C-alpha cells in the first residue's frame, strides 16, 4: 500500500490465482480508494467509468455489473463478457448481521458452484 500526499488516496494491490485446472494462472491489478475506503475509478485507464458511484456502491466496471440491496451489500454480480453458453452470474446472501452466509455461481440458471458459510455465535 502507498499513500498519495495530496489527495490522500490509498493504492491497493490485488493479486489472484486460479487452480491448475484453469487456463489463467494469475491476475494482478491495482485500485485506488479514498479516505473512507471507497473505490475510486481509474480515469486514465477506463475513462467511461464514473469518477464516483452512487451511495458508494459500484454499479459496474469493465468486467461486471453489480447489484446491491438496501443495506449496500453486494447481492449479484453479472459478467459483462458473454461466454459460450452464457456468462456467469454470482449471487451473495447475508444473515441479519450482514455476514455472507451463501454464495452461488450459475450459468444459464444452472448452479456451477455453491458455498455456505457458518459463524461462531
N, C-alpha and C. Protein backbone atom coordinates (compact mmCIF):
# COMPACT_ATOMS: atom_id res chain seq x y z
N UNK A 1 0.84 -1.18 0.00
CA UNK A 1 0.00 0.00 0.00
C UNK A 1 0.88 1.24 0.00
N UNK A 2 0.42 2.25 -0.71
CA UNK A 2 1.11 3.53 -0.74
C UNK A 2 0.08 4.64 -0.60
N UNK A 3 0.51 5.76 -0.10
CA UNK A 3 -0.40 6.89 0.06
C UNK A 3 0.09 8.05 -0.78
N UNK A 4 -0.85 8.73 -1.43
CA UNK A 4 -0.52 9.93 -2.18
C UNK A 4 -0.73 11.11 -1.23
N UNK A 5 0.29 11.94 -1.08
CA UNK A 5 0.23 13.03 -0.12
C UNK A 5 -0.87 14.04 -0.41
N UNK A 6 -1.07 14.42 -1.65
CA UNK A 6 -2.00 15.50 -1.96
C UNK A 6 -3.45 15.06 -1.80
N UNK A 7 -3.83 13.95 -2.35
CA UNK A 7 -5.23 13.55 -2.36
C UNK A 7 -5.56 12.53 -1.27
N UNK A 8 -4.59 12.02 -0.56
CA UNK A 8 -4.81 11.04 0.50
C UNK A 8 -5.54 9.80 -0.02
N UNK A 9 -5.13 9.31 -1.17
CA UNK A 9 -5.74 8.12 -1.74
C UNK A 9 -4.86 6.92 -1.46
N UNK A 10 -5.48 5.81 -1.19
CA UNK A 10 -4.76 4.58 -0.89
C UNK A 10 -4.72 3.72 -2.16
N UNK A 11 -3.57 3.19 -2.50
CA UNK A 11 -3.41 2.30 -3.64
C UNK A 11 -3.40 0.87 -3.09
N UNK A 12 -4.26 0.03 -3.60
CA UNK A 12 -4.34 -1.35 -3.14
C UNK A 12 -3.88 -2.27 -4.26
N UNK A 13 -3.07 -3.25 -3.92
CA UNK A 13 -2.65 -4.26 -4.89
C UNK A 13 -3.59 -5.45 -4.78
N UNK A 14 -4.01 -5.94 -5.92
CA UNK A 14 -4.89 -7.10 -5.96
C UNK A 14 -4.15 -8.20 -6.70
N UNK A 15 -4.08 -9.36 -6.09
CA UNK A 15 -3.42 -10.48 -6.73
C UNK A 15 -4.31 -11.70 -6.56
N UNK A 16 -4.55 -12.41 -7.63
CA UNK A 16 -5.40 -13.60 -7.58
C UNK A 16 -4.79 -14.68 -8.44
N UNK A 17 -5.08 -15.92 -8.14
CA UNK A 17 -4.63 -17.05 -8.94
C UNK A 17 -5.70 -18.11 -8.97
N UNK A 18 -5.69 -18.89 -10.00
CA UNK A 18 -6.66 -19.97 -10.12
C UNK A 18 -5.94 -21.31 -10.06
N UNK A 19 -6.71 -22.37 -9.87
CA UNK A 19 -6.12 -23.70 -9.76
C UNK A 19 -5.53 -24.15 -11.08
N UNK A 20 -4.80 -25.25 -11.03
CA UNK A 20 -4.16 -25.79 -12.23
C UNK A 20 -5.17 -26.20 -13.28
N UNK A 21 -6.44 -26.36 -12.91
CA UNK A 21 -7.47 -26.76 -13.87
C UNK A 21 -7.89 -25.60 -14.76
N UNK A 22 -7.49 -24.41 -14.40
CA UNK A 22 -7.87 -23.22 -15.17
C UNK A 22 -6.74 -22.80 -16.09
N UNK A 23 -7.08 -22.13 -17.17
CA UNK A 23 -6.05 -21.66 -18.08
C UNK A 23 -5.35 -20.41 -17.55
N UNK A 24 -6.02 -19.63 -16.71
CA UNK A 24 -5.41 -18.43 -16.14
C UNK A 24 -4.71 -18.81 -14.84
N UNK A 25 -3.44 -18.49 -14.75
CA UNK A 25 -2.71 -18.86 -13.54
C UNK A 25 -2.61 -17.73 -12.53
N UNK A 26 -2.67 -16.50 -13.00
CA UNK A 26 -2.65 -15.40 -12.04
C UNK A 26 -3.22 -14.14 -12.68
N UNK A 27 -3.58 -13.21 -11.83
CA UNK A 27 -4.12 -11.93 -12.29
C UNK A 27 -3.68 -10.87 -11.29
N UNK A 28 -3.06 -9.84 -11.78
CA UNK A 28 -2.61 -8.75 -10.93
C UNK A 28 -3.34 -7.48 -11.32
N UNK A 29 -3.54 -6.62 -10.39
CA UNK A 29 -4.17 -5.35 -10.68
C UNK A 29 -4.06 -4.42 -9.49
N UNK A 30 -4.45 -3.20 -9.69
CA UNK A 30 -4.45 -2.22 -8.62
C UNK A 30 -5.76 -1.45 -8.65
N UNK A 31 -6.12 -0.91 -7.52
CA UNK A 31 -7.22 0.04 -7.47
C UNK A 31 -6.93 1.04 -6.37
N UNK A 32 -7.58 2.15 -6.44
CA UNK A 32 -7.36 3.24 -5.51
C UNK A 32 -8.60 3.45 -4.67
N UNK A 33 -8.40 3.76 -3.39
CA UNK A 33 -9.54 4.06 -2.51
C UNK A 33 -9.36 5.45 -1.91
N UNK A 34 -10.48 6.06 -1.57
CA UNK A 34 -10.42 7.34 -0.87
C UNK A 34 -10.25 7.10 0.62
N UNK A 35 -10.27 8.15 1.41
CA UNK A 35 -10.02 8.01 2.85
C UNK A 35 -11.09 7.20 3.57
N UNK A 36 -12.29 7.09 2.98
CA UNK A 36 -13.36 6.29 3.59
C UNK A 36 -13.30 4.83 3.14
N UNK A 37 -12.34 4.47 2.29
CA UNK A 37 -12.22 3.10 1.82
C UNK A 37 -13.04 2.79 0.59
N UNK A 38 -13.62 3.79 -0.05
CA UNK A 38 -14.42 3.58 -1.26
C UNK A 38 -13.52 3.54 -2.48
N UNK A 39 -13.80 2.62 -3.40
CA UNK A 39 -13.00 2.55 -4.61
C UNK A 39 -13.22 3.78 -5.47
N UNK A 40 -12.13 4.25 -6.06
CA UNK A 40 -12.16 5.40 -6.96
C UNK A 40 -11.80 4.90 -8.34
N UNK A 41 -12.53 5.35 -9.36
CA UNK A 41 -12.30 4.88 -10.73
C UNK A 41 -10.94 5.33 -11.24
N UNK A 42 -10.30 4.47 -12.03
CA UNK A 42 -9.06 4.81 -12.71
C UNK A 42 -9.44 5.54 -13.99
N UNK A 43 -9.47 6.85 -13.96
CA UNK A 43 -9.95 7.66 -15.08
C UNK A 43 -9.03 7.56 -16.29
N UNK A 44 -7.74 7.31 -16.09
CA UNK A 44 -6.82 7.20 -17.23
C UNK A 44 -7.06 5.90 -17.99
N UNK A 45 -7.20 4.80 -17.27
CA UNK A 45 -7.35 3.51 -17.92
C UNK A 45 -8.78 3.27 -18.40
N UNK A 46 -9.78 3.73 -17.66
CA UNK A 46 -11.18 3.49 -18.00
C UNK A 46 -11.95 4.81 -17.96
N UNK A 47 -11.79 5.67 -18.97
CA UNK A 47 -12.43 6.99 -18.92
C UNK A 47 -13.95 6.95 -18.94
N UNK A 48 -14.55 5.85 -19.40
CA UNK A 48 -16.01 5.77 -19.47
C UNK A 48 -16.66 5.51 -18.10
N UNK A 49 -15.89 5.03 -17.13
CA UNK A 49 -16.45 4.76 -15.81
C UNK A 49 -16.68 6.06 -15.05
N UNK A 50 -17.68 6.08 -14.19
CA UNK A 50 -17.91 7.30 -13.39
C UNK A 50 -16.77 7.50 -12.39
N UNK A 51 -16.52 8.75 -12.04
CA UNK A 51 -15.48 9.05 -11.07
C UNK A 51 -15.90 8.60 -9.67
N UNK A 52 -17.20 8.63 -9.39
CA UNK A 52 -17.73 8.20 -8.10
C UNK A 52 -18.99 7.38 -8.36
N UNK A 53 -19.32 6.51 -7.41
CA UNK A 53 -20.51 5.68 -7.55
C UNK A 53 -21.57 6.12 -6.56
N UNK A 54 -22.82 6.09 -6.99
CA UNK A 54 -23.95 6.49 -6.16
C UNK A 54 -23.97 5.68 -4.87
N UNK A 55 -24.15 6.34 -3.76
CA UNK A 55 -24.22 5.69 -2.44
C UNK A 55 -23.00 4.82 -2.15
N UNK A 56 -21.86 5.14 -2.76
CA UNK A 56 -20.62 4.37 -2.60
C UNK A 56 -20.78 2.92 -3.03
N UNK A 57 -21.67 2.69 -3.97
CA UNK A 57 -21.89 1.33 -4.49
C UNK A 57 -21.47 1.30 -5.95
N UNK A 58 -20.56 0.42 -6.26
CA UNK A 58 -20.11 0.30 -7.64
C UNK A 58 -21.22 -0.38 -8.43
N UNK A 59 -21.72 0.28 -9.46
CA UNK A 59 -22.77 -0.29 -10.29
C UNK A 59 -22.22 -1.13 -11.42
N UNK A 60 -21.03 -0.76 -11.90
CA UNK A 60 -20.41 -1.51 -12.98
C UNK A 60 -18.94 -1.13 -13.06
N UNK A 61 -18.17 -2.03 -13.63
CA UNK A 61 -16.80 -1.74 -14.01
C UNK A 61 -16.57 -2.41 -15.35
N UNK A 62 -15.33 -2.56 -15.76
CA UNK A 62 -15.09 -3.10 -17.10
C UNK A 62 -15.43 -4.58 -17.21
N UNK A 63 -15.54 -5.29 -16.11
CA UNK A 63 -15.79 -6.73 -16.16
C UNK A 63 -17.19 -7.14 -15.71
N UNK A 64 -17.83 -6.37 -14.81
CA UNK A 64 -19.08 -6.82 -14.20
C UNK A 64 -20.11 -5.69 -14.05
N UNK A 65 -21.36 -6.11 -13.92
CA UNK A 65 -22.45 -5.26 -13.43
C UNK A 65 -22.71 -5.72 -12.00
N UNK A 66 -22.87 -4.79 -11.06
CA UNK A 66 -23.06 -5.12 -9.65
C UNK A 66 -24.45 -4.69 -9.19
N UNK A 67 -25.08 -5.51 -8.34
CA UNK A 67 -26.39 -5.20 -7.78
C UNK A 67 -26.28 -5.26 -6.26
N UNK A 68 -26.90 -4.29 -5.58
CA UNK A 68 -26.82 -4.19 -4.12
C UNK A 68 -28.22 -4.15 -3.52
N UNK A 69 -28.32 -4.56 -2.26
CA UNK A 69 -29.61 -4.46 -1.56
C UNK A 69 -29.69 -3.10 -0.84
N UNK A 70 -30.76 -2.90 -0.10
CA UNK A 70 -30.99 -1.62 0.59
C UNK A 70 -29.92 -1.32 1.64
N UNK A 71 -29.20 -2.35 2.10
CA UNK A 71 -28.14 -2.17 3.10
C UNK A 71 -26.78 -1.90 2.46
N UNK A 72 -26.73 -1.90 1.13
CA UNK A 72 -25.48 -1.66 0.43
C UNK A 72 -24.65 -2.91 0.22
N UNK A 73 -25.19 -4.07 0.54
CA UNK A 73 -24.46 -5.32 0.38
C UNK A 73 -24.55 -5.80 -1.06
N UNK A 74 -23.46 -6.33 -1.57
CA UNK A 74 -23.44 -6.90 -2.91
C UNK A 74 -24.33 -8.14 -2.93
N UNK A 75 -25.33 -8.17 -3.81
CA UNK A 75 -26.23 -9.32 -3.88
C UNK A 75 -26.07 -10.11 -5.17
N UNK A 76 -25.61 -9.44 -6.23
CA UNK A 76 -25.45 -10.13 -7.51
C UNK A 76 -24.37 -9.44 -8.32
N UNK A 77 -23.60 -10.26 -9.04
CA UNK A 77 -22.54 -9.75 -9.91
C UNK A 77 -22.68 -10.49 -11.24
N UNK A 78 -22.90 -9.74 -12.32
CA UNK A 78 -23.10 -10.32 -13.65
C UNK A 78 -21.92 -9.96 -14.54
N UNK A 79 -21.43 -10.95 -15.29
CA UNK A 79 -20.32 -10.69 -16.20
C UNK A 79 -20.75 -9.85 -17.38
N UNK A 80 -19.90 -8.92 -17.77
CA UNK A 80 -20.15 -8.13 -18.98
C UNK A 80 -19.87 -8.96 -20.22
N UNK A 81 -18.78 -9.72 -20.19
CA UNK A 81 -18.39 -10.50 -21.35
C UNK A 81 -19.16 -11.81 -21.34
N UNK A 82 -19.90 -12.05 -22.41
CA UNK A 82 -20.70 -13.26 -22.50
C UNK A 82 -19.84 -14.39 -23.05
N UNK A 83 -19.84 -15.50 -22.38
CA UNK A 83 -19.09 -16.69 -22.80
C UNK A 83 -19.97 -17.56 -23.67
N UNK A 84 -19.34 -18.54 -24.31
CA UNK A 84 -20.13 -19.56 -25.00
C UNK A 84 -20.98 -20.24 -23.94
N UNK A 85 -22.26 -20.31 -24.16
CA UNK A 85 -23.14 -20.91 -23.17
C UNK A 85 -23.66 -19.91 -22.15
N UNK A 86 -23.29 -18.64 -22.28
CA UNK A 86 -23.79 -17.62 -21.35
C UNK A 86 -22.77 -17.24 -20.31
N UNK A 87 -22.91 -16.04 -19.77
CA UNK A 87 -21.99 -15.55 -18.76
C UNK A 87 -22.33 -16.07 -17.37
N UNK A 88 -21.38 -15.92 -16.47
CA UNK A 88 -21.59 -16.32 -15.08
C UNK A 88 -22.38 -15.24 -14.35
N UNK A 89 -23.23 -15.68 -13.44
CA UNK A 89 -23.94 -14.79 -12.52
C UNK A 89 -23.58 -15.26 -11.11
N UNK A 90 -23.13 -14.34 -10.28
CA UNK A 90 -22.73 -14.63 -8.91
C UNK A 90 -23.79 -14.07 -7.97
N UNK A 91 -24.27 -14.89 -7.03
CA UNK A 91 -25.29 -14.47 -6.06
C UNK A 91 -24.71 -14.53 -4.66
N UNK A 92 -25.00 -13.50 -3.85
CA UNK A 92 -24.50 -13.41 -2.48
C UNK A 92 -25.68 -13.21 -1.54
N UNK A 93 -25.70 -13.97 -0.44
CA UNK A 93 -26.78 -13.88 0.56
C UNK A 93 -26.16 -13.68 1.94
N UNK A 94 -26.82 -12.87 2.77
CA UNK A 94 -26.27 -12.47 4.07
C UNK A 94 -27.25 -12.77 5.20
N UNK A 95 -26.71 -12.90 6.41
CA UNK A 95 -27.59 -13.07 7.57
C UNK A 95 -27.97 -11.68 8.12
N UNK A 96 -28.70 -11.66 9.23
CA UNK A 96 -29.18 -10.38 9.77
C UNK A 96 -28.07 -9.56 10.42
N UNK A 97 -26.85 -10.12 10.49
CA UNK A 97 -25.70 -9.37 10.98
C UNK A 97 -24.79 -8.96 9.83
N UNK A 98 -25.31 -9.05 8.61
CA UNK A 98 -24.62 -8.61 7.39
C UNK A 98 -23.39 -9.46 7.06
N UNK A 99 -23.38 -10.70 7.50
CA UNK A 99 -22.27 -11.60 7.19
C UNK A 99 -22.67 -12.48 6.01
N UNK A 100 -21.75 -12.71 5.11
CA UNK A 100 -22.00 -13.58 3.97
C UNK A 100 -22.28 -15.00 4.47
N UNK A 101 -23.41 -15.58 4.08
CA UNK A 101 -23.75 -16.93 4.51
C UNK A 101 -23.94 -17.89 3.34
N UNK A 102 -24.11 -17.36 2.13
CA UNK A 102 -24.36 -18.23 0.98
C UNK A 102 -23.86 -17.55 -0.28
N UNK A 103 -23.11 -18.29 -1.09
CA UNK A 103 -22.63 -17.81 -2.39
C UNK A 103 -22.99 -18.86 -3.43
N UNK A 104 -23.42 -18.40 -4.60
CA UNK A 104 -23.75 -19.33 -5.69
C UNK A 104 -23.31 -18.70 -7.01
N UNK A 105 -22.63 -19.50 -7.85
CA UNK A 105 -22.29 -19.08 -9.20
C UNK A 105 -23.06 -19.95 -10.17
N UNK A 106 -23.73 -19.30 -11.11
CA UNK A 106 -24.51 -20.07 -12.08
C UNK A 106 -24.27 -19.56 -13.48
N UNK A 107 -24.61 -20.41 -14.42
CA UNK A 107 -24.53 -20.08 -15.84
C UNK A 107 -25.80 -20.60 -16.49
N UNK A 108 -26.56 -19.72 -17.10
CA UNK A 108 -27.85 -20.05 -17.72
C UNK A 108 -28.78 -20.76 -16.73
N UNK A 109 -28.79 -20.30 -15.49
CA UNK A 109 -29.69 -20.85 -14.48
C UNK A 109 -29.23 -22.15 -13.86
N UNK A 110 -28.09 -22.68 -14.27
CA UNK A 110 -27.56 -23.93 -13.72
C UNK A 110 -26.47 -23.60 -12.70
N UNK A 111 -26.60 -24.11 -11.49
CA UNK A 111 -25.62 -23.85 -10.44
C UNK A 111 -24.34 -24.62 -10.73
N UNK A 112 -23.22 -23.88 -10.82
CA UNK A 112 -21.91 -24.47 -11.06
C UNK A 112 -21.09 -24.60 -9.79
N UNK A 113 -21.31 -23.69 -8.86
CA UNK A 113 -20.56 -23.67 -7.61
C UNK A 113 -21.45 -23.08 -6.54
N UNK A 114 -21.41 -23.67 -5.36
CA UNK A 114 -22.22 -23.18 -4.25
C UNK A 114 -21.43 -23.33 -2.96
N UNK A 115 -21.45 -22.30 -2.13
CA UNK A 115 -20.75 -22.33 -0.85
C UNK A 115 -21.66 -21.77 0.23
N UNK A 116 -21.57 -22.34 1.42
CA UNK A 116 -22.31 -21.83 2.58
C UNK A 116 -21.29 -21.54 3.68
N UNK A 117 -21.55 -20.49 4.43
CA UNK A 117 -20.62 -20.05 5.46
C UNK A 117 -21.33 -20.03 6.81
N UNK A 118 -20.66 -20.57 7.83
CA UNK A 118 -21.19 -20.59 9.20
C UNK A 118 -20.25 -19.81 10.09
N UNK A 119 -20.81 -19.16 11.09
CA UNK A 119 -20.02 -18.33 12.00
C UNK A 119 -20.27 -18.76 13.44
N UNK A 120 -19.24 -18.63 14.26
CA UNK A 120 -19.40 -18.89 15.69
C UNK A 120 -20.31 -17.82 16.28
N UNK A 121 -21.13 -18.20 17.27
CA UNK A 121 -22.02 -17.20 17.88
C UNK A 121 -21.25 -16.14 18.64
